[in-house]
All heavy atoms as atom14 arrays in JSON, in Angstrom:
{
  "sequence": "RYQTGAVHPPESRAYPSRYFAFPVLLPAGATQTWWLRVETRKALT",
  "atom14_mask": [
    [1, 1, 1, 1, 1, 1, 1, 1, 1, 1, 1, 0, 0, 0],
    [1, 1, 1, 1, 1, 1, 1, 1, 1, 1, 1, 1, 0, 0],
    [1, 1, 1, 1, 1, 1, 1, 1, 1, 0, 0, 0, 0, 0],
    [1, 1, 1, 1, 1, 1, 1, 0, 0, 0, 0, 0, 0, 0],
    [1, 1, 1, 1, 0, 0, 0, 0, 0, 0, 0, 0, 0, 0],
    [1, 1, 1, 1, 1, 0, 0, 0, 0, 0, 0, 0, 0, 0],
    [1, 1, 1, 1, 1, 1, 1, 0, 0, 0, 0, 0, 0, 0],
    [1, 1, 1, 1, 1, 1, 1, 1, 1, 1, 0, 0, 0, 0],
    [1, 1, 1, 1, 1, 1, 1, 0, 0, 0, 0, 0, 0, 0],
    [1, 1, 1, 1, 1, 1, 1, 0, 0, 0, 0, 0, 0, 0],
    [1, 1, 1, 1, 1, 1, 1, 1, 1, 0, 0, 0, 0, 0],
    [1, 1, 1, 1, 1, 1, 0, 0, 0, 0, 0, 0, 0, 0],
    [1, 1, 1, 1, 1, 1, 1, 1, 1, 1, 1, 0, 0, 0],
    [1, 1, 1, 1, 1, 0, 0, 0, 0, 0, 0, 0, 0, 0],
    [1, 1, 1, 1, 1, 1, 1, 1, 1, 1, 1, 1, 0, 0],
    [1, 1, 1, 1, 1, 1, 1, 0, 0, 0, 0, 0, 0, 0],
    [1, 1, 1, 1, 1, 1, 0, 0, 0, 0, 0, 0, 0, 0],
    [1, 1, 1, 1, 1, 1, 1, 1, 1, 1, 1, 0, 0, 0],
    [1, 1, 1, 1, 1, 1, 1, 1, 1, 1, 1, 1, 0, 0],
    [1, 1, 1, 1, 1, 1, 1, 1, 1, 1, 1, 0, 0, 0],
    [1, 1, 1, 1, 1, 0, 0, 0, 0, 0, 0, 0, 0, 0],
    [1, 1, 1, 1, 1, 1, 1, 1, 1, 1, 1, 0, 0, 0],
    [1, 1, 1, 1, 1, 1, 1, 0, 0, 0, 0, 0, 0, 0],
    [1, 1, 1, 1, 1, 1, 1, 0, 0, 0, 0, 0, 0, 0],
    [1, 1, 1, 1, 1, 1, 1, 1, 0, 0, 0, 0, 0, 0],
    [1, 1, 1, 1, 1, 1, 1, 1, 0, 0, 0, 0, 0, 0],
    [1, 1, 1, 1, 1, 1, 1, 0, 0, 0, 0, 0, 0, 0],
    [1, 1, 1, 1, 1, 0, 0, 0, 0, 0, 0, 0, 0, 0],
    [1, 1, 1, 1, 0, 0, 0, 0, 0, 0, 0, 0, 0, 0],
    [1, 1, 1, 1, 1, 0, 0, 0, 0, 0, 0, 0, 0, 0],
    [1, 1, 1, 1, 1, 1, 1, 0, 0, 0, 0, 0, 0, 0],
    [1, 1, 1, 1, 1, 1, 1, 1, 1, 0, 0, 0, 0, 0],
    [1, 1, 1, 1, 1, 1, 1, 0, 0, 0, 0, 0, 0, 0],
    [1, 1, 1, 1, 1, 1, 1, 1, 1, 1, 1, 1, 1, 1],
    [1, 1, 1, 1, 1, 1, 1, 1, 1, 1, 1, 1, 1, 1],
    [1, 1, 1, 1, 1, 1, 1, 1, 0, 0, 0, 0, 0, 0],
    [1, 1, 1, 1, 1, 1, 1, 1, 1, 1, 1, 0, 0, 0],
    [1, 1, 1, 1, 1, 1, 1, 0, 0, 0, 0, 0, 0, 0],
    [1, 1, 1, 1, 1, 1, 1, 1, 1, 0, 0, 0, 0, 0],
    [1, 1, 1, 1, 1, 1, 1, 0, 0, 0, 0, 0, 0, 0],
    [1, 1, 1, 1, 1, 1, 1, 1, 1, 1, 1, 0, 0, 0],
    [1, 1, 1, 1, 1, 1, 1, 1, 1, 0, 0, 0, 0, 0],
    [1, 1, 1, 1, 1, 0, 0, 0, 0, 0, 0, 0, 0, 0],
    [1, 1, 1, 1, 1, 1, 1, 1, 0, 0, 0, 0, 0, 0],
    [1, 1, 1, 1, 1, 1, 1, 0, 0, 0, 0, 0, 0, 0]
  ],
  "atom14_positions": [
    [[-4.35, 8.55, 3.37], [-2.84, 8.26, 3.25], [-2.51, 6.99, 4.07], [-3.04, 6.71, 5.12], [-2.08, 9.49, 3.88], [-2.4, 10.8, 3.22], [-1.95, 11.95, 4.06], [-2.48, 13.2, 3.53], [-1.71, 14.08, 2.82], [-0.44, 13.79, 2.55], [-2.25, 15.22, 2.31], [0.0, 0.0, 0.0], [0.0, 0.0, 0.0], [0.0, 0.0, 0.0]],
    [[-1.58, 6.28, 3.55], [-0.85, 5.1, 4.26], [0.64, 5.32, 4.08], [1.12, 5.78, 3.11], [-1.22, 3.82, 3.6], [-2.75, 3.54, 3.52], [-3.48, 3.75, 2.32], [-3.39, 2.91, 4.59], [-4.82, 3.44, 2.27], [-4.74, 2.64, 4.55], [-5.43, 2.92, 3.32], [-6.78, 2.59, 3.3], [0.0, 0.0, 0.0], [0.0, 0.0, 0.0]],
    [[1.39, 4.89, 5.13], [2.87, 4.83, 4.97], [3.27, 3.59, 5.68], [3.05, 3.35, 6.85], [3.53, 6.14, 5.63], [5.04, 5.96, 5.47], [5.76, 7.29, 5.93], [5.13, 8.21, 6.51], [7.01, 7.45, 5.57], [0.0, 0.0, 0.0], [0.0, 0.0, 0.0], [0.0, 0.0, 0.0], [0.0, 0.0, 0.0], [0.0, 0.0, 0.0]],
    [[4.01, 2.75, 4.89], [4.45, 1.49, 5.41], [5.7, 1.09, 4.72], [6.33, 1.94, 4.03], [3.39, 0.33, 5.24], [3.74, -0.84, 5.85], [3.04, 0.14, 3.75], [0.0, 0.0, 0.0], [0.0, 0.0, 0.0], [0.0, 0.0, 0.0], [0.0, 0.0, 0.0], [0.0, 0.0, 0.0], [0.0, 0.0, 0.0], [0.0, 0.0, 0.0]],
    [[6.17, -0.12, 4.87], [7.41, -0.53, 4.17], [8.21, -1.47, 5.11], [7.93, -1.56, 6.28], [0.0, 0.0, 0.0], [0.0, 0.0, 0.0], [0.0, 0.0, 0.0], [0.0, 0.0, 0.0], [0.0, 0.0, 0.0], [0.0, 0.0, 0.0], [0.0, 0.0, 0.0], [0.0, 0.0, 0.0], [0.0, 0.0, 0.0], [0.0, 0.0, 0.0]],
    [[9.35, -1.9, 4.59], [10.2, -2.84, 5.33], [10.93, -2.18, 6.53], [11.21, -2.81, 7.49], [11.23, -3.42, 4.39], [0.0, 0.0, 0.0], [0.0, 0.0, 0.0], [0.0, 0.0, 0.0], [0.0, 0.0, 0.0], [0.0, 0.0, 0.0], [0.0, 0.0, 0.0], [0.0, 0.0, 0.0], [0.0, 0.0, 0.0], [0.0, 0.0, 0.0]],
    [[11.02, -0.81, 6.46], [11.71, -0.1, 7.52], [10.67, 0.38, 8.55], [11.14, 0.96, 9.62], [12.52, 1.12, 7.06], [13.59, 0.66, 6.04], [11.57, 2.12, 6.38], [0.0, 0.0, 0.0], [0.0, 0.0, 0.0], [0.0, 0.0, 0.0], [0.0, 0.0, 0.0], [0.0, 0.0, 0.0], [0.0, 0.0, 0.0], [0.0, 0.0, 0.0]],
    [[9.43, 0.06, 8.4], [8.35, 0.49, 9.31], [7.93, -0.72, 10.12], [8.0, -1.86, 9.69], [7.22, 1.14, 8.54], [7.63, 2.46, 7.92], [7.81, 3.63, 8.49], [7.91, 2.71, 6.55], [8.17, 4.63, 7.65], [8.25, 3.96, 6.45], [0.0, 0.0, 0.0], [0.0, 0.0, 0.0], [0.0, 0.0, 0.0], [0.0, 0.0, 0.0]],
    [[7.3, -0.5, 11.32], [6.8, -1.62, 12.11], [5.69, -2.3, 11.54], [4.98, -1.66, 10.65], [6.45, -0.9, 13.46], [6.22, 0.5, 13.09], [7.11, 0.81, 11.97], [0.0, 0.0, 0.0], [0.0, 0.0, 0.0], [0.0, 0.0, 0.0], [0.0, 0.0, 0.0], [0.0, 0.0, 0.0], [0.0, 0.0, 0.0], [0.0, 0.0, 0.0]],
    [[5.39, -3.54, 11.81], [4.28, -4.19, 11.3], [2.88, -3.54, 11.48], [1.93, -3.75, 10.62], [4.25, -5.61, 12.03], [5.59, -5.75, 12.52], [6.11, -4.37, 12.76], [0.0, 0.0, 0.0], [0.0, 0.0, 0.0], [0.0, 0.0, 0.0], [0.0, 0.0, 0.0], [0.0, 0.0, 0.0], [0.0, 0.0, 0.0], [0.0, 0.0, 0.0]],
    [[2.73, -2.72, 12.58], [1.48, -2.04, 12.78], [1.15, -1.03, 11.77], [0.06, -0.49, 11.67], [1.56, -1.34, 14.17], [1.76, -2.29, 15.39], [3.19, -2.77, 15.51], [4.08, -2.1, 15.07], [3.36, -3.84, 16.06], [0.0, 0.0, 0.0], [0.0, 0.0, 0.0], [0.0, 0.0, 0.0], [0.0, 0.0, 0.0], [0.0, 0.0, 0.0]],
    [[2.14, -0.67, 10.93], [1.91, 0.31, 9.9], [1.18, -0.24, 8.66], [0.75, 0.49, 7.83], [3.22, 0.9, 9.43], [4.0, -0.1, 8.69], [0.0, 0.0, 0.0], [0.0, 0.0, 0.0], [0.0, 0.0, 0.0], [0.0, 0.0, 0.0], [0.0, 0.0, 0.0], [0.0, 0.0, 0.0], [0.0, 0.0, 0.0], [0.0, 0.0, 0.0]],
    [[1.01, -1.59, 8.59], [0.39, -2.12, 7.49], [-1.21, -2.08, 7.52], [-1.73, -2.28, 8.66], [0.76, -3.6, 7.36], [2.32, -3.75, 7.33], [2.77, -5.08, 6.82], [4.23, -5.07, 6.69], [4.97, -5.85, 5.94], [4.35, -6.68, 5.12], [6.29, -5.84, 6.03], [0.0, 0.0, 0.0], [0.0, 0.0, 0.0], [0.0, 0.0, 0.0]],
    [[-1.77, -1.72, 6.46], [-3.18, -1.51, 6.44], [-3.93, -2.89, 6.46], [-5.19, -2.81, 6.64], [-3.58, -0.72, 5.2], [0.0, 0.0, 0.0], [0.0, 0.0, 0.0], [0.0, 0.0, 0.0], [0.0, 0.0, 0.0], [0.0, 0.0, 0.0], [0.0, 0.0, 0.0], [0.0, 0.0, 0.0], [0.0, 0.0, 0.0], [0.0, 0.0, 0.0]],
    [[-3.24, -3.93, 6.12], [-3.92, -5.25, 6.04], [-2.85, -6.3, 6.47], [-1.72, -6.17, 6.07], [-4.35, -5.48, 4.54], [-5.1, -6.82, 4.35], [-6.44, -6.93, 4.51], [-4.39, -7.96, 4.06], [-7.08, -8.05, 4.3], [-5.04, -9.18, 3.83], [-6.42, -9.21, 3.96], [-7.1, -10.4, 3.77], [0.0, 0.0, 0.0], [0.0, 0.0, 0.0]],
    [[-3.28, -7.25, 7.29], [-2.3, -8.22, 7.8], [-1.81, -9.18, 6.69], [-2.51, -10.05, 6.26], [-3.07, -9.01, 8.89], [-4.58, -8.81, 8.52], [-4.61, -7.5, 7.86], [0.0, 0.0, 0.0], [0.0, 0.0, 0.0], [0.0, 0.0, 0.0], [0.0, 0.0, 0.0], [0.0, 0.0, 0.0], [0.0, 0.0, 0.0], [0.0, 0.0, 0.0]],
    [[-0.63, -8.97, 6.28], [-0.05, -9.81, 5.19], [1.46, -9.59, 5.24], [1.98, -8.56, 5.7], [-0.58, -9.39, 3.84], [0.12, -9.99, 2.77], [0.0, 0.0, 0.0], [0.0, 0.0, 0.0], [0.0, 0.0, 0.0], [0.0, 0.0, 0.0], [0.0, 0.0, 0.0], [0.0, 0.0, 0.0], [0.0, 0.0, 0.0], [0.0, 0.0, 0.0]],
    [[2.19, -10.65, 4.61], [3.64, -10.46, 4.53], [3.95, -9.46, 3.3], [5.03, -8.99, 3.27], [4.36, -11.76, 4.35], [4.07, -12.48, 3.0], [4.59, -13.91, 3.05], [4.5, -14.59, 1.8], [5.5, -14.68, 0.89], [6.64, -14.07, 1.21], [5.28, -15.32, -0.23], [0.0, 0.0, 0.0], [0.0, 0.0, 0.0], [0.0, 0.0, 0.0]],
    [[3.01, -9.29, 2.43], [3.17, -8.27, 1.45], [2.58, -6.98, 1.94], [2.16, -6.85, 3.09], [2.42, -8.7, 0.1], [3.02, -10.0, -0.37], [2.2, -11.19, -0.49], [4.28, -10.02, -1.04], [2.71, -12.29, -0.98], [4.76, -11.17, -1.5], [4.0, -12.33, -1.47], [4.53, -13.48, -2.05], [0.0, 0.0, 0.0], [0.0, 0.0, 0.0]],
    [[2.49, -5.97, 1.05], [1.85, -4.67, 1.39], [0.52, -4.59, 0.72], [0.45, -4.43, -0.51], [2.8, -3.48, 1.03], [4.17, -3.62, 1.7], [5.28, -3.86, 0.89], [4.31, -3.44, 3.02], [6.48, -4.04, 1.45], [5.57, -3.58, 3.64], [6.66, -3.85, 2.83], [0.0, 0.0, 0.0], [0.0, 0.0, 0.0], [0.0, 0.0, 0.0]],
    [[-0.58, -4.76, 1.44], [-1.9, -4.8, 0.85], [-2.73, -3.65, 1.54], [-2.62, -3.24, 2.66], [-2.57, -6.12, 1.32], [0.0, 0.0, 0.0], [0.0, 0.0, 0.0], [0.0, 0.0, 0.0], [0.0, 0.0, 0.0], [0.0, 0.0, 0.0], [0.0, 0.0, 0.0], [0.0, 0.0, 0.0], [0.0, 0.0, 0.0], [0.0, 0.0, 0.0]],
    [[-3.61, -3.12, 0.61], [-4.5, -2.07, 0.96], [-5.88, -2.27, 0.58], [-6.14, -2.78, -0.62], [-3.95, -0.67, 0.33], [-2.56, -0.48, 0.58], [-1.53, -0.99, -0.25], [-2.13, 0.25, 1.7], [-0.23, -0.74, 0.02], [-0.78, 0.49, 1.91], [0.2, -0.01, 1.16], [0.0, 0.0, 0.0], [0.0, 0.0, 0.0], [0.0, 0.0, 0.0]],
    [[-6.89, -2.03, 1.4], [-8.31, -2.25, 1.08], [-8.74, -1.22, -0.06], [-8.39, -0.05, -0.02], [-9.04, -2.0, 2.33], [-8.14, -1.11, 3.17], [-6.8, -1.43, 2.7], [0.0, 0.0, 0.0], [0.0, 0.0, 0.0], [0.0, 0.0, 0.0], [0.0, 0.0, 0.0], [0.0, 0.0, 0.0], [0.0, 0.0, 0.0], [0.0, 0.0, 0.0]],
    [[-9.54, -1.81, -0.97], [-10.18, -0.99, -2.03], [-11.68, -1.11, -1.94], [-12.19, -2.2, -2.08], [-9.71, -1.39, -3.49], [-10.45, -0.57, -4.51], [-8.22, -1.24, -3.53], [0.0, 0.0, 0.0], [0.0, 0.0, 0.0], [0.0, 0.0, 0.0], [0.0, 0.0, 0.0], [0.0, 0.0, 0.0], [0.0, 0.0, 0.0], [0.0, 0.0, 0.0]],
    [[-12.35, -0.05, -1.7], [-13.85, -0.01, -1.57], [-14.33, 1.02, -2.59], [-14.1, 2.17, -2.44], [-14.33, 0.31, -0.18], [-13.83, -0.62, 0.96], [-14.24, -0.09, 2.34], [-14.45, -2.01, 0.74], [0.0, 0.0, 0.0], [0.0, 0.0, 0.0], [0.0, 0.0, 0.0], [0.0, 0.0, 0.0], [0.0, 0.0, 0.0], [0.0, 0.0, 0.0]],
    [[-15.08, 0.5, -3.63], [-15.52, 1.35, -4.68], [-17.0, 1.31, -4.84], [-17.64, 0.24, -5.12], [-14.9, 0.95, -5.99], [-13.51, 1.51, -6.32], [-13.0, 0.9, -7.64], [-13.62, 3.02, -6.49], [0.0, 0.0, 0.0], [0.0, 0.0, 0.0], [0.0, 0.0, 0.0], [0.0, 0.0, 0.0], [0.0, 0.0, 0.0], [0.0, 0.0, 0.0]],
    [[-17.78, 2.42, -4.57], [-19.18, 2.4, -4.84], [-19.46, 2.11, -6.28], [-18.64, 2.22, -7.17], [-19.61, 3.85, -4.41], [-18.44, 4.32, -3.59], [-17.23, 3.67, -4.17], [0.0, 0.0, 0.0], [0.0, 0.0, 0.0], [0.0, 0.0, 0.0], [0.0, 0.0, 0.0], [0.0, 0.0, 0.0], [0.0, 0.0, 0.0], [0.0, 0.0, 0.0]],
    [[-20.76, 1.88, -6.5], [-21.22, 1.63, -7.89], [-20.88, 2.82, -8.81], [-21.2, 3.95, -8.42], [-22.65, 1.36, -7.98], [0.0, 0.0, 0.0], [0.0, 0.0, 0.0], [0.0, 0.0, 0.0], [0.0, 0.0, 0.0], [0.0, 0.0, 0.0], [0.0, 0.0, 0.0], [0.0, 0.0, 0.0], [0.0, 0.0, 0.0], [0.0, 0.0, 0.0]],
    [[-20.24, 2.55, -9.94], [-19.93, 3.61, -10.97], [-18.82, 4.53, -10.56], [-18.57, 5.45, -11.35], [0.0, 0.0, 0.0], [0.0, 0.0, 0.0], [0.0, 0.0, 0.0], [0.0, 0.0, 0.0], [0.0, 0.0, 0.0], [0.0, 0.0, 0.0], [0.0, 0.0, 0.0], [0.0, 0.0, 0.0], [0.0, 0.0, 0.0], [0.0, 0.0, 0.0]],
    [[-18.15, 4.29, -9.4], [-17.11, 5.2, -8.95], [-15.79, 5.02, -9.59], [-15.47, 3.84, -9.94], [-17.01, 5.21, -7.4], [0.0, 0.0, 0.0], [0.0, 0.0, 0.0], [0.0, 0.0, 0.0], [0.0, 0.0, 0.0], [0.0, 0.0, 0.0], [0.0, 0.0, 0.0], [0.0, 0.0, 0.0], [0.0, 0.0, 0.0], [0.0, 0.0, 0.0]],
    [[-14.97, 6.08, -9.68], [-13.62, 6.03, -10.15], [-12.69, 6.53, -9.01], [-12.95, 7.56, -8.39], [-13.39, 6.83, -11.41], [-14.17, 6.28, -12.4], [-11.89, 6.77, -11.85], [0.0, 0.0, 0.0], [0.0, 0.0, 0.0], [0.0, 0.0, 0.0], [0.0, 0.0, 0.0], [0.0, 0.0, 0.0], [0.0, 0.0, 0.0], [0.0, 0.0, 0.0]],
    [[-11.64, 5.88, -8.78], [-10.72, 6.22, -7.68], [-9.31, 6.31, -8.17], [-8.81, 5.58, -8.96], [-10.7, 5.08, -6.64], [-10.25, 5.43, -5.21], [-10.47, 4.27, -4.2], [-9.94, 3.19, -4.44], [-11.33, 4.57, -3.23], [0.0, 0.0, 0.0], [0.0, 0.0, 0.0], [0.0, 0.0, 0.0], [0.0, 0.0, 0.0], [0.0, 0.0, 0.0]],
    [[-8.65, 7.39, -7.7], [-7.28, 7.72, -8.13], [-6.24, 7.33, -7.06], [-6.5, 7.64, -5.87], [-7.1, 9.2, -8.48], [-8.09, 9.56, -9.47], [-5.68, 9.49, -8.96], [0.0, 0.0, 0.0], [0.0, 0.0, 0.0], [0.0, 0.0, 0.0], [0.0, 0.0, 0.0], [0.0, 0.0, 0.0], [0.0, 0.0, 0.0], [0.0, 0.0, 0.0]],
    [[-5.18, 6.65, -7.44], [-4.19, 6.26, -6.52], [-2.84, 6.84, -6.97], [-2.48, 6.85, -8.13], [-4.04, 4.72, -6.51], [-5.21, 4.03, -5.86], [-6.52, 3.98, -6.31], [-5.16, 3.25, -4.66], [-7.23, 3.22, -5.45], [-6.48, 2.76, -4.4], [-4.15, 2.87, -3.76], [-6.83, 1.98, -3.37], [-4.52, 2.11, -2.66], [-5.83, 1.66, -2.53]],
    [[-2.02, 7.24, -5.94], [-0.6, 7.57, -6.1], [0.29, 6.68, -5.12], [-0.1, 6.56, -4.03], [-0.36, 9.0, -5.84], [-0.94, 9.94, -6.83], [-0.35, 10.56, -7.89], [-2.22, 10.66, -6.7], [-1.21, 11.42, -8.52], [-2.38, 11.55, -7.83], [-3.3, 10.56, -5.83], [-3.5, 12.32, -8.02], [-4.4, 11.25, -6.05], [-4.51, 12.13, -7.09]],
    [[1.32, 6.17, -5.64], [2.29, 5.39, -4.78], [3.64, 6.02, -4.85], [4.13, 6.21, -5.98], [2.33, 3.96, -5.1], [1.26, 3.04, -4.66], [-0.13, 3.36, -5.11], [1.63, 1.61, -4.97], [0.0, 0.0, 0.0], [0.0, 0.0, 0.0], [0.0, 0.0, 0.0], [0.0, 0.0, 0.0], [0.0, 0.0, 0.0], [0.0, 0.0, 0.0]],
    [[4.19, 6.34, -3.76], [5.63, 6.8, -3.68], [6.44, 5.63, -3.13], [6.3, 5.16, -2.11], [5.78, 8.02, -2.75], [7.15, 8.63, -2.71], [7.16, 9.82, -1.73], [8.48, 10.45, -1.65], [9.46, 10.06, -0.9], [9.39, 9.0, -0.11], [10.68, 10.67, -0.88], [0.0, 0.0, 0.0], [0.0, 0.0, 0.0], [0.0, 0.0, 0.0]],
    [[7.42, 5.15, -4.04], [8.18, 3.92, -3.76], [9.69, 4.28, -3.57], [10.21, 4.92, -4.34], [8.02, 3.05, -4.94], [8.75, 1.74, -4.64], [6.55, 2.73, -5.25], [0.0, 0.0, 0.0], [0.0, 0.0, 0.0], [0.0, 0.0, 0.0], [0.0, 0.0, 0.0], [0.0, 0.0, 0.0], [0.0, 0.0, 0.0], [0.0, 0.0, 0.0]],
    [[10.19, 3.69, -2.43], [11.66, 3.74, -2.17], [11.99, 2.29, -2.0], [11.59, 1.6, -1.04], [12.03, 4.66, -0.99], [11.83, 6.05, -1.2], [12.44, 6.85, -0.04], [13.52, 6.44, 0.44], [11.77, 7.82, 0.35], [0.0, 0.0, 0.0], [0.0, 0.0, 0.0], [0.0, 0.0, 0.0], [0.0, 0.0, 0.0], [0.0, 0.0, 0.0]],
    [[12.94, 1.79, -2.86], [13.49, 0.45, -2.69], [14.84, 0.39, -3.3], [15.13, 0.93, -4.34], [12.51, -0.63, -3.32], [13.1, -1.9, -3.25], [12.18, -0.28, -4.78], [0.0, 0.0, 0.0], [0.0, 0.0, 0.0], [0.0, 0.0, 0.0], [0.0, 0.0, 0.0], [0.0, 0.0, 0.0], [0.0, 0.0, 0.0], [0.0, 0.0, 0.0]],
    [[15.68, -0.4, -2.72], [17.02, -0.66, -3.26], [17.21, -2.04, -3.88], [18.25, -2.44, -4.28], [18.07, -0.52, -2.12], [18.1, 0.88, -1.52], [19.09, 0.88, -0.32], [19.18, 2.2, 0.24], [20.15, 3.1, -0.08], [20.92, 2.88, -1.05], [20.12, 4.28, 0.47], [0.0, 0.0, 0.0], [0.0, 0.0, 0.0], [0.0, 0.0, 0.0]],
    [[16.1, -2.77, -3.91], [16.21, -4.19, -4.34], [15.38, -4.65, -5.48], [15.28, -5.81, -5.75], [15.8, -5.08, -3.05], [16.67, -4.81, -1.81], [16.2, -5.77, -0.7], [17.08, -5.52, 0.55], [16.63, -6.44, 1.64], [0.0, 0.0, 0.0], [0.0, 0.0, 0.0], [0.0, 0.0, 0.0], [0.0, 0.0, 0.0], [0.0, 0.0, 0.0]],
    [[14.66, -3.73, -6.14], [13.8, -4.12, -7.22], [14.04, -3.39, -8.5], [14.18, -2.17, -8.49], [12.28, -3.81, -6.71], [0.0, 0.0, 0.0], [0.0, 0.0, 0.0], [0.0, 0.0, 0.0], [0.0, 0.0, 0.0], [0.0, 0.0, 0.0], [0.0, 0.0, 0.0], [0.0, 0.0, 0.0], [0.0, 0.0, 0.0], [0.0, 0.0, 0.0]],
    [[14.08, -4.17, -9.57], [14.06, -3.54, -10.87], [12.59, -3.57, -11.49], [12.31, -2.83, -12.39], [15.04, -4.33, -11.85], [16.5, -4.14, -11.52], [17.34, -5.07, -12.42], [16.92, -2.75, -11.61], [0.0, 0.0, 0.0], [0.0, 0.0, 0.0], [0.0, 0.0, 0.0], [0.0, 0.0, 0.0], [0.0, 0.0, 0.0], [0.0, 0.0, 0.0]],
    [[11.82, -4.46, -10.93], [10.39, -4.51, -11.24], [9.61, -4.39, -10.03], [10.06, -4.64, -8.89], [10.06, -5.78, -12.0], [10.34, -6.93, -11.09], [10.79, -5.93, -13.29], [0.0, 0.0, 0.0], [0.0, 0.0, 0.0], [0.0, 0.0, 0.0], [0.0, 0.0, 0.0], [0.0, 0.0, 0.0], [0.0, 0.0, 0.0], [0.0, 0.0, 0.0]]
  ]
}
């Protein structure tokens, strides 16, 4: 689990960036499932 966003401190970010970046490590032949819960008042896309 990760929790970050504009209302959270910079230390909440999984990767140092002005965007929200998360490391992906996939072993050979592996499949990984992701869920994102998004709250934003400023985006249509």
